[in-house]
């Protein structure tokens, strides 16, 4: 199943927003376990963001 251009653009925006939100949460938390979990999730989203960008560039540009 492939994403339409509009769906992919929306997914890219959502991913960016989630990364920004996680960055704020990481800065706000003092619990080391929570911080580690949040950083792991942020790293996963960064990989997703890279894949989305790569797919977009190679499919729609």
N, C-alpha and C. Protein backbone atom coordinates (compact mmCIF):
# COMPACT_ATOMS: atom_id res chain seq x y z
N UNK A 1 0.84 -1.18 0.00
CA UNK A 1 0.00 0.00 0.00
C UNK A 1 0.89 1.24 0.00
N UNK A 2 0.65 2.14 -0.92
CA UNK A 2 1.43 3.37 -0.97
C UNK A 2 0.58 4.56 -0.53
N UNK A 3 1.26 5.56 -0.06
CA UNK A 3 0.58 6.77 0.40
C UNK A 3 0.45 7.74 -0.75
N UNK A 4 -0.66 8.46 -0.77
CA UNK A 4 -0.79 9.54 -1.74
C UNK A 4 0.10 10.69 -1.28
N UNK A 5 0.34 11.60 -2.18
CA UNK A 5 1.20 12.74 -1.85
C UNK A 5 0.64 13.51 -0.66
N UNK A 6 -0.66 13.76 -0.66
CA UNK A 6 -1.29 14.51 0.43
C UNK A 6 -1.18 13.75 1.76
N UNK A 7 -1.42 12.45 1.73
CA UNK A 7 -1.32 11.64 2.96
C UNK A 7 0.11 11.67 3.51
N UNK A 8 1.07 11.57 2.60
CA UNK A 8 2.47 11.59 3.03
C UNK A 8 2.85 12.94 3.61
N UNK A 9 2.42 14.02 2.98
CA UNK A 9 2.70 15.35 3.50
C UNK A 9 2.08 15.54 4.89
N UNK A 10 0.85 15.06 5.07
CA UNK A 10 0.20 15.14 6.38
C UNK A 10 0.95 14.31 7.42
N UNK A 11 1.41 13.13 7.02
CA UNK A 11 2.17 12.27 7.93
C UNK A 11 3.49 12.93 8.32
N UNK A 12 4.13 13.60 7.37
CA UNK A 12 5.40 14.29 7.65
C UNK A 12 5.19 15.42 8.65
N UNK A 13 4.11 16.17 8.48
CA UNK A 13 3.81 17.26 9.40
C UNK A 13 3.52 16.71 10.80
N UNK A 14 2.74 15.64 10.85
CA UNK A 14 2.41 15.02 12.15
C UNK A 14 3.68 14.52 12.85
N UNK A 15 4.57 13.91 12.09
CA UNK A 15 5.82 13.41 12.66
C UNK A 15 6.66 14.56 13.21
N UNK A 16 6.76 15.65 12.47
CA UNK A 16 7.51 16.82 12.95
C UNK A 16 6.92 17.37 14.24
N UNK A 17 5.60 17.44 14.29
CA UNK A 17 4.93 17.94 15.50
C UNK A 17 5.19 17.02 16.69
N UNK A 18 5.16 15.71 16.45
CA UNK A 18 5.43 14.76 17.53
C UNK A 18 6.87 14.89 18.03
N UNK A 19 7.81 15.09 17.11
CA UNK A 19 9.21 15.26 17.51
C UNK A 19 9.37 16.53 18.34
N UNK A 20 8.73 17.61 17.93
CA UNK A 20 8.79 18.86 18.69
C UNK A 20 8.20 18.68 20.09
N UNK A 21 7.07 17.98 20.17
CA UNK A 21 6.43 17.74 21.46
C UNK A 21 7.34 16.90 22.37
N UNK A 22 7.95 15.87 21.81
CA UNK A 22 8.85 15.03 22.60
C UNK A 22 10.05 15.83 23.09
N UNK A 23 10.57 16.72 22.27
CA UNK A 23 11.70 17.55 22.68
C UNK A 23 11.32 18.40 23.90
N UNK A 24 10.12 18.94 23.88
CA UNK A 24 9.64 19.74 25.02
C UNK A 24 9.49 18.87 26.26
N UNK A 25 8.95 17.66 26.08
CA UNK A 25 8.77 16.75 27.22
C UNK A 25 10.11 16.32 27.79
N UNK A 26 11.09 16.08 26.93
CA UNK A 26 12.43 15.68 27.39
C UNK A 26 13.04 16.81 28.22
N UNK A 27 12.87 18.03 27.77
CA UNK A 27 13.41 19.18 28.51
C UNK A 27 12.71 19.36 29.85
N UNK A 28 11.42 19.04 29.89
CA UNK A 28 10.64 19.29 31.10
C UNK A 28 10.78 18.20 32.16
N UNK A 29 11.12 16.99 31.76
CA UNK A 29 11.15 15.90 32.73
C UNK A 29 12.49 15.84 33.46
N UNK A 30 12.41 15.37 34.71
CA UNK A 30 13.63 15.18 35.50
C UNK A 30 13.86 13.70 35.78
N UNK A 31 12.85 12.88 35.55
CA UNK A 31 12.97 11.44 35.77
C UNK A 31 13.83 10.83 34.66
N UNK A 32 14.92 10.20 35.05
CA UNK A 32 15.86 9.66 34.06
C UNK A 32 15.25 8.53 33.21
N UNK A 33 14.41 7.72 33.83
CA UNK A 33 13.76 6.63 33.07
C UNK A 33 12.82 7.19 32.01
N UNK A 34 12.03 8.17 32.41
CA UNK A 34 11.11 8.81 31.47
C UNK A 34 11.89 9.49 30.34
N UNK A 35 12.96 10.18 30.72
CA UNK A 35 13.78 10.88 29.74
C UNK A 35 14.36 9.89 28.72
N UNK A 36 14.81 8.73 29.21
CA UNK A 36 15.39 7.72 28.32
C UNK A 36 14.32 7.18 27.36
N UNK A 37 13.12 6.92 27.89
CA UNK A 37 12.01 6.45 27.04
C UNK A 37 11.65 7.47 25.97
N UNK A 38 11.57 8.72 26.38
CA UNK A 38 11.22 9.79 25.45
C UNK A 38 12.28 9.96 24.37
N UNK A 39 13.54 9.85 24.77
CA UNK A 39 14.63 9.96 23.78
C UNK A 39 14.59 8.81 22.78
N UNK A 40 14.25 7.62 23.25
CA UNK A 40 14.14 6.47 22.36
C UNK A 40 13.01 6.69 21.35
N UNK A 41 11.88 7.16 21.83
CA UNK A 41 10.74 7.43 20.96
C UNK A 41 11.10 8.52 19.94
N UNK A 42 11.81 9.54 20.39
CA UNK A 42 12.22 10.62 19.49
C UNK A 42 13.15 10.08 18.41
N UNK A 43 14.05 9.21 18.78
CA UNK A 43 14.98 8.62 17.81
C UNK A 43 14.21 7.80 16.77
N UNK A 44 13.22 7.04 17.21
CA UNK A 44 12.38 6.26 16.29
C UNK A 44 11.65 7.19 15.32
N UNK A 45 11.13 8.29 15.84
CA UNK A 45 10.42 9.24 14.98
C UNK A 45 11.38 9.92 14.00
N UNK A 46 12.62 10.15 14.40
CA UNK A 46 13.60 10.73 13.49
C UNK A 46 13.87 9.78 12.31
N UNK A 47 13.96 8.47 12.61
CA UNK A 47 14.13 7.49 11.53
C UNK A 47 12.91 7.48 10.61
N UNK A 48 11.73 7.56 11.20
CA UNK A 48 10.50 7.63 10.40
C UNK A 48 10.50 8.88 9.53
N UNK A 49 10.90 10.00 10.11
CA UNK A 49 10.96 11.25 9.38
C UNK A 49 11.92 11.13 8.19
N UNK A 50 13.06 10.50 8.41
CA UNK A 50 14.02 10.30 7.33
C UNK A 50 13.41 9.45 6.23
N UNK A 51 12.74 8.36 6.60
CA UNK A 51 12.11 7.49 5.60
C UNK A 51 11.04 8.25 4.82
N UNK A 52 10.22 9.01 5.53
CA UNK A 52 9.17 9.78 4.86
C UNK A 52 9.76 10.76 3.87
N UNK A 53 10.81 11.45 4.27
CA UNK A 53 11.45 12.41 3.38
C UNK A 53 12.04 11.71 2.16
N UNK A 54 12.73 10.61 2.38
CA UNK A 54 13.34 9.84 1.29
C UNK A 54 12.26 9.35 0.32
N UNK A 55 11.19 8.81 0.85
CA UNK A 55 10.08 8.31 0.03
C UNK A 55 9.46 9.45 -0.77
N UNK A 56 9.26 10.58 -0.11
CA UNK A 56 8.66 11.74 -0.77
C UNK A 56 9.55 12.21 -1.92
N UNK A 57 10.84 12.36 -1.65
CA UNK A 57 11.76 12.85 -2.68
C UNK A 57 11.85 11.90 -3.86
N UNK A 58 11.82 10.61 -3.60
CA UNK A 58 11.99 9.64 -4.67
C UNK A 58 10.68 9.28 -5.38
N UNK A 59 9.56 9.69 -4.83
CA UNK A 59 8.28 9.36 -5.44
C UNK A 59 7.61 10.57 -6.07
N UNK A 60 7.69 11.71 -5.42
CA UNK A 60 6.89 12.85 -5.86
C UNK A 60 7.69 14.03 -6.38
N UNK A 61 9.00 13.99 -6.27
CA UNK A 61 9.79 15.14 -6.76
C UNK A 61 10.61 14.72 -7.96
